[in-house]
Amino acid sequence: MIIKGVPFIIKYFSKKANAIIERKGIVDDKCKEWVAKATQLPCFDYHDITATENTVDNPSGEPQYRKVSNGFYSVQFTKKQKDNNNE
C-alpha cells in the first residue's frame, strides 16, 4: 500500500535502460496504483522527486511523473509513518 505524502525510494527494472532504476518518489493527487488490462500486471504512477529536483533536465521545476508498468517494483518508505492511534 502506498501512502499519500510519505516519501519513498522506488526500485524497478527498466526495459528501455536495461537496468534497475532507483528513484526518490512521493504520492500526490495525480498518482495511482492500478492493474494493466492487457497484461494483468500491477502498475504504479508516481511523482518522481529525483527528476523534479534535476535542474539541468527540468529547469522549470515542474513536477515529473513516472509510470512503472511491468509489475515488478519495490517501495521503501524513507520516513516513519505516523501511527494514527497514538496521535
N, C-alpha and C. Protein backbone atom coordinates (compact mmCIF):
# COMPACT_ATOMS: atom_id res chain seq x y z
N MET A 1 0.84 -1.19 0.00
CA MET A 1 0.00 0.00 0.00
C MET A 1 0.89 1.25 0.00
N ILE A 2 0.58 2.17 -0.85
CA ILE A 2 1.31 3.43 -0.96
C ILE A 2 0.50 4.50 -0.23
N ILE A 3 1.19 5.31 0.57
CA ILE A 3 0.52 6.31 1.39
C ILE A 3 0.84 7.71 0.87
N LYS A 4 -0.19 8.50 0.64
CA LYS A 4 -0.05 9.86 0.14
C LYS A 4 0.80 10.72 1.07
N GLY A 5 1.78 11.42 0.48
CA GLY A 5 2.60 12.37 1.23
C GLY A 5 3.81 11.80 1.94
N VAL A 6 3.99 10.48 1.91
CA VAL A 6 5.13 9.86 2.58
C VAL A 6 6.21 9.56 1.53
N PRO A 7 7.40 10.17 1.65
CA PRO A 7 8.48 9.92 0.67
C PRO A 7 8.92 8.46 0.68
N PHE A 8 9.38 8.00 -0.48
CA PHE A 8 9.85 6.63 -0.60
C PHE A 8 10.96 6.52 -1.64
N ILE A 9 11.64 5.39 -1.62
CA ILE A 9 12.60 5.03 -2.66
C ILE A 9 11.93 3.91 -3.45
N ILE A 10 11.88 4.04 -4.77
CA ILE A 10 11.30 3.00 -5.62
C ILE A 10 12.41 2.41 -6.47
N LYS A 11 12.38 1.09 -6.63
CA LYS A 11 13.33 0.38 -7.49
C LYS A 11 12.51 -0.47 -8.46
N TYR A 12 12.91 -0.43 -9.73
CA TYR A 12 12.23 -1.24 -10.73
C TYR A 12 13.15 -1.48 -11.91
N PHE A 13 12.84 -2.51 -12.69
CA PHE A 13 13.63 -2.80 -13.88
C PHE A 13 13.07 -2.02 -15.06
N SER A 14 13.95 -1.30 -15.74
CA SER A 14 13.57 -0.54 -16.92
C SER A 14 14.03 -1.28 -18.17
N LYS A 15 13.07 -1.64 -19.04
CA LYS A 15 13.44 -2.28 -20.31
C LYS A 15 14.24 -1.31 -21.17
N LYS A 16 13.83 -0.05 -21.18
CA LYS A 16 14.48 0.97 -22.01
C LYS A 16 15.96 1.12 -21.64
N ALA A 17 16.26 1.18 -20.34
CA ALA A 17 17.64 1.35 -19.88
C ALA A 17 18.34 0.00 -19.68
N ASN A 18 17.57 -1.09 -19.71
CA ASN A 18 18.09 -2.43 -19.44
C ASN A 18 18.85 -2.46 -18.11
N ALA A 19 18.24 -1.84 -17.10
CA ALA A 19 18.89 -1.74 -15.79
C ALA A 19 17.85 -1.54 -14.71
N ILE A 20 18.28 -1.75 -13.48
CA ILE A 20 17.42 -1.45 -12.34
C ILE A 20 17.53 0.04 -12.04
N ILE A 21 16.40 0.71 -11.96
CA ILE A 21 16.33 2.15 -11.70
C ILE A 21 15.95 2.35 -10.24
N GLU A 22 16.59 3.32 -9.61
CA GLU A 22 16.24 3.69 -8.23
C GLU A 22 15.97 5.19 -8.19
N ARG A 23 14.82 5.57 -7.67
CA ARG A 23 14.44 6.98 -7.64
C ARG A 23 13.74 7.32 -6.33
N LYS A 24 13.79 8.61 -5.96
CA LYS A 24 13.01 9.11 -4.84
C LYS A 24 11.63 9.49 -5.38
N GLY A 25 10.59 9.16 -4.63
CA GLY A 25 9.25 9.50 -5.08
C GLY A 25 8.34 9.86 -3.92
N ILE A 26 7.17 10.33 -4.29
CA ILE A 26 6.13 10.65 -3.33
C ILE A 26 4.79 10.54 -4.06
N VAL A 27 3.76 10.22 -3.32
CA VAL A 27 2.43 10.10 -3.91
C VAL A 27 1.66 11.39 -3.65
N ASP A 28 1.05 11.91 -4.71
CA ASP A 28 0.17 13.07 -4.59
C ASP A 28 -1.16 12.74 -5.29
N ASP A 29 -1.98 13.74 -5.55
CA ASP A 29 -3.31 13.50 -6.11
C ASP A 29 -3.31 12.94 -7.54
N LYS A 30 -2.20 13.07 -8.26
CA LYS A 30 -2.14 12.57 -9.64
C LYS A 30 -1.62 11.13 -9.72
N CYS A 31 -1.24 10.56 -8.60
CA CYS A 31 -0.63 9.23 -8.57
C CYS A 31 -1.67 8.14 -8.32
N LYS A 32 -1.35 6.92 -8.80
CA LYS A 32 -2.28 5.82 -8.58
C LYS A 32 -1.59 4.47 -8.77
N GLU A 33 -2.17 3.46 -8.16
CA GLU A 33 -1.81 2.07 -8.41
C GLU A 33 -2.96 1.47 -9.19
N TRP A 34 -2.65 0.61 -10.16
CA TRP A 34 -3.70 0.04 -10.99
C TRP A 34 -3.19 -1.25 -11.63
N VAL A 35 -4.06 -1.97 -12.30
CA VAL A 35 -3.70 -3.21 -12.98
C VAL A 35 -3.92 -3.02 -14.47
N ALA A 36 -2.90 -3.33 -15.26
CA ALA A 36 -3.00 -3.19 -16.72
C ALA A 36 -3.96 -4.25 -17.27
N LYS A 37 -4.88 -3.83 -18.11
CA LYS A 37 -5.86 -4.76 -18.68
C LYS A 37 -5.19 -5.81 -19.56
N ALA A 38 -4.23 -5.38 -20.38
CA ALA A 38 -3.61 -6.30 -21.35
C ALA A 38 -2.74 -7.36 -20.68
N THR A 39 -1.97 -6.97 -19.66
CA THR A 39 -1.02 -7.90 -19.04
C THR A 39 -1.45 -8.42 -17.69
N GLN A 40 -2.43 -7.76 -17.06
CA GLN A 40 -2.88 -8.07 -15.71
C GLN A 40 -1.77 -7.90 -14.67
N LEU A 41 -0.77 -7.06 -15.00
CA LEU A 41 0.32 -6.77 -14.07
C LEU A 41 0.03 -5.49 -13.31
N PRO A 42 0.47 -5.42 -12.03
CA PRO A 42 0.29 -4.19 -11.27
C PRO A 42 1.15 -3.06 -11.84
N CYS A 43 0.61 -1.86 -11.84
CA CYS A 43 1.30 -0.68 -12.35
C CYS A 43 1.21 0.42 -11.29
N PHE A 44 2.11 1.39 -11.43
CA PHE A 44 2.17 2.45 -10.43
C PHE A 44 2.62 3.74 -11.10
N ASP A 45 1.82 4.78 -10.97
CA ASP A 45 2.18 6.13 -11.43
C ASP A 45 2.57 6.93 -10.20
N TYR A 46 3.77 7.55 -10.23
CA TYR A 46 4.25 8.27 -9.05
C TYR A 46 4.94 9.57 -9.43
N HIS A 47 5.03 10.48 -8.45
CA HIS A 47 5.73 11.76 -8.60
C HIS A 47 7.21 11.47 -8.37
N ASP A 48 8.02 11.66 -9.39
CA ASP A 48 9.46 11.37 -9.34
C ASP A 48 10.20 12.59 -8.79
N ILE A 49 10.56 12.54 -7.52
CA ILE A 49 11.27 13.65 -6.88
C ILE A 49 12.66 13.82 -7.48
N THR A 50 13.31 12.71 -7.81
CA THR A 50 14.66 12.77 -8.39
C THR A 50 14.65 13.60 -9.67
N ALA A 51 13.72 13.33 -10.56
CA ALA A 51 13.64 14.07 -11.82
C ALA A 51 13.17 15.51 -11.61
N THR A 52 12.26 15.72 -10.68
CA THR A 52 11.76 17.06 -10.41
C THR A 52 12.87 17.97 -9.90
N GLU A 53 13.77 17.42 -9.07
CA GLU A 53 14.87 18.20 -8.49
C GLU A 53 16.03 18.41 -9.45
N ASN A 54 16.04 17.71 -10.59
CA ASN A 54 17.12 17.82 -11.57
C ASN A 54 16.94 19.12 -12.36
N THR A 55 17.67 20.16 -11.96
CA THR A 55 17.50 21.48 -12.59
C THR A 55 18.11 21.56 -13.99
N VAL A 56 18.99 20.63 -14.34
CA VAL A 56 19.58 20.63 -15.68
C VAL A 56 18.54 20.18 -16.71
N ASP A 57 17.88 19.04 -16.42
CA ASP A 57 16.87 18.50 -17.34
C ASP A 57 15.48 19.07 -17.12
N ASN A 58 15.28 19.72 -15.97
CA ASN A 58 13.97 20.25 -15.62
C ASN A 58 14.11 21.65 -15.03
N PRO A 59 14.58 22.63 -15.83
CA PRO A 59 14.83 23.96 -15.30
C PRO A 59 13.59 24.67 -14.76
N SER A 60 12.42 24.28 -15.21
CA SER A 60 11.19 24.94 -14.74
C SER A 60 10.77 24.45 -13.36
N GLY A 61 11.28 23.30 -12.95
CA GLY A 61 10.92 22.75 -11.65
C GLY A 61 9.54 22.12 -11.60
N GLU A 62 8.94 21.92 -12.77
CA GLU A 62 7.62 21.29 -12.82
C GLU A 62 7.70 19.86 -12.30
N PRO A 63 6.68 19.40 -11.57
CA PRO A 63 6.68 18.01 -11.09
C PRO A 63 6.79 17.03 -12.26
N GLN A 64 7.61 16.02 -12.08
CA GLN A 64 7.82 15.00 -13.10
C GLN A 64 7.19 13.70 -12.60
N TYR A 65 6.48 13.02 -13.48
CA TYR A 65 5.79 11.79 -13.11
C TYR A 65 6.34 10.62 -13.93
N ARG A 66 6.33 9.44 -13.33
CA ARG A 66 6.81 8.24 -13.99
C ARG A 66 5.77 7.14 -13.81
N LYS A 67 5.83 6.16 -14.71
CA LYS A 67 4.93 5.01 -14.66
C LYS A 67 5.78 3.75 -14.65
N VAL A 68 5.52 2.88 -13.68
CA VAL A 68 6.12 1.55 -13.66
C VAL A 68 5.02 0.61 -14.14
N SER A 69 5.24 -0.06 -15.28
CA SER A 69 4.16 -0.84 -15.86
C SER A 69 4.49 -2.32 -16.06
N ASN A 70 5.65 -2.76 -15.58
CA ASN A 70 5.99 -4.16 -15.78
C ASN A 70 5.63 -5.05 -14.59
N GLY A 71 5.05 -4.46 -13.55
CA GLY A 71 4.60 -5.24 -12.41
C GLY A 71 5.66 -5.56 -11.38
N PHE A 72 6.91 -5.23 -11.67
CA PHE A 72 7.99 -5.57 -10.77
C PHE A 72 8.63 -4.31 -10.21
N TYR A 73 8.21 -3.93 -9.01
CA TYR A 73 8.80 -2.77 -8.37
C TYR A 73 8.74 -2.97 -6.86
N SER A 74 9.66 -2.30 -6.17
CA SER A 74 9.63 -2.34 -4.70
C SER A 74 9.68 -0.91 -4.19
N VAL A 75 9.02 -0.69 -3.07
CA VAL A 75 8.93 0.64 -2.46
C VAL A 75 9.42 0.53 -1.02
N GLN A 76 10.33 1.43 -0.66
CA GLN A 76 10.81 1.50 0.73
C GLN A 76 10.56 2.92 1.22
N PHE A 77 9.77 3.07 2.27
CA PHE A 77 9.49 4.40 2.81
C PHE A 77 10.74 4.97 3.46
N THR A 78 10.95 6.28 3.30
CA THR A 78 12.14 6.93 3.84
C THR A 78 11.86 7.70 5.11
N LYS A 79 10.60 7.84 5.48
CA LYS A 79 10.21 8.48 6.74
C LYS A 79 9.28 7.54 7.47
N LYS A 80 9.38 7.54 8.80
CA LYS A 80 8.49 6.71 9.59
C LYS A 80 7.07 7.25 9.47
N GLN A 81 6.13 6.34 9.24
CA GLN A 81 4.74 6.73 9.13
C GLN A 81 4.16 7.00 10.51
N LYS A 82 3.25 7.95 10.60
CA LYS A 82 2.58 8.25 11.87
C LYS A 82 1.59 7.15 12.20
N ASP A 83 1.54 6.78 13.44
CA ASP A 83 0.56 5.83 13.92
C ASP A 83 -0.68 6.62 14.34
N ASN A 84 -1.76 6.49 13.61
CA ASN A 84 -2.96 7.28 13.87
C ASN A 84 -3.56 7.03 15.25
N ASN A 85 -3.25 5.89 15.86
CA ASN A 85 -3.78 5.57 17.18
C ASN A 85 -3.03 6.28 18.30
N ASN A 86 -1.84 6.79 18.01
CA ASN A 86 -1.03 7.42 19.05
C ASN A 86 -0.84 8.92 18.87
N GLU A 87 -1.69 9.55 18.12
CA GLU A 87 -1.56 10.99 17.89
C GLU A 87 -2.17 11.78 19.02
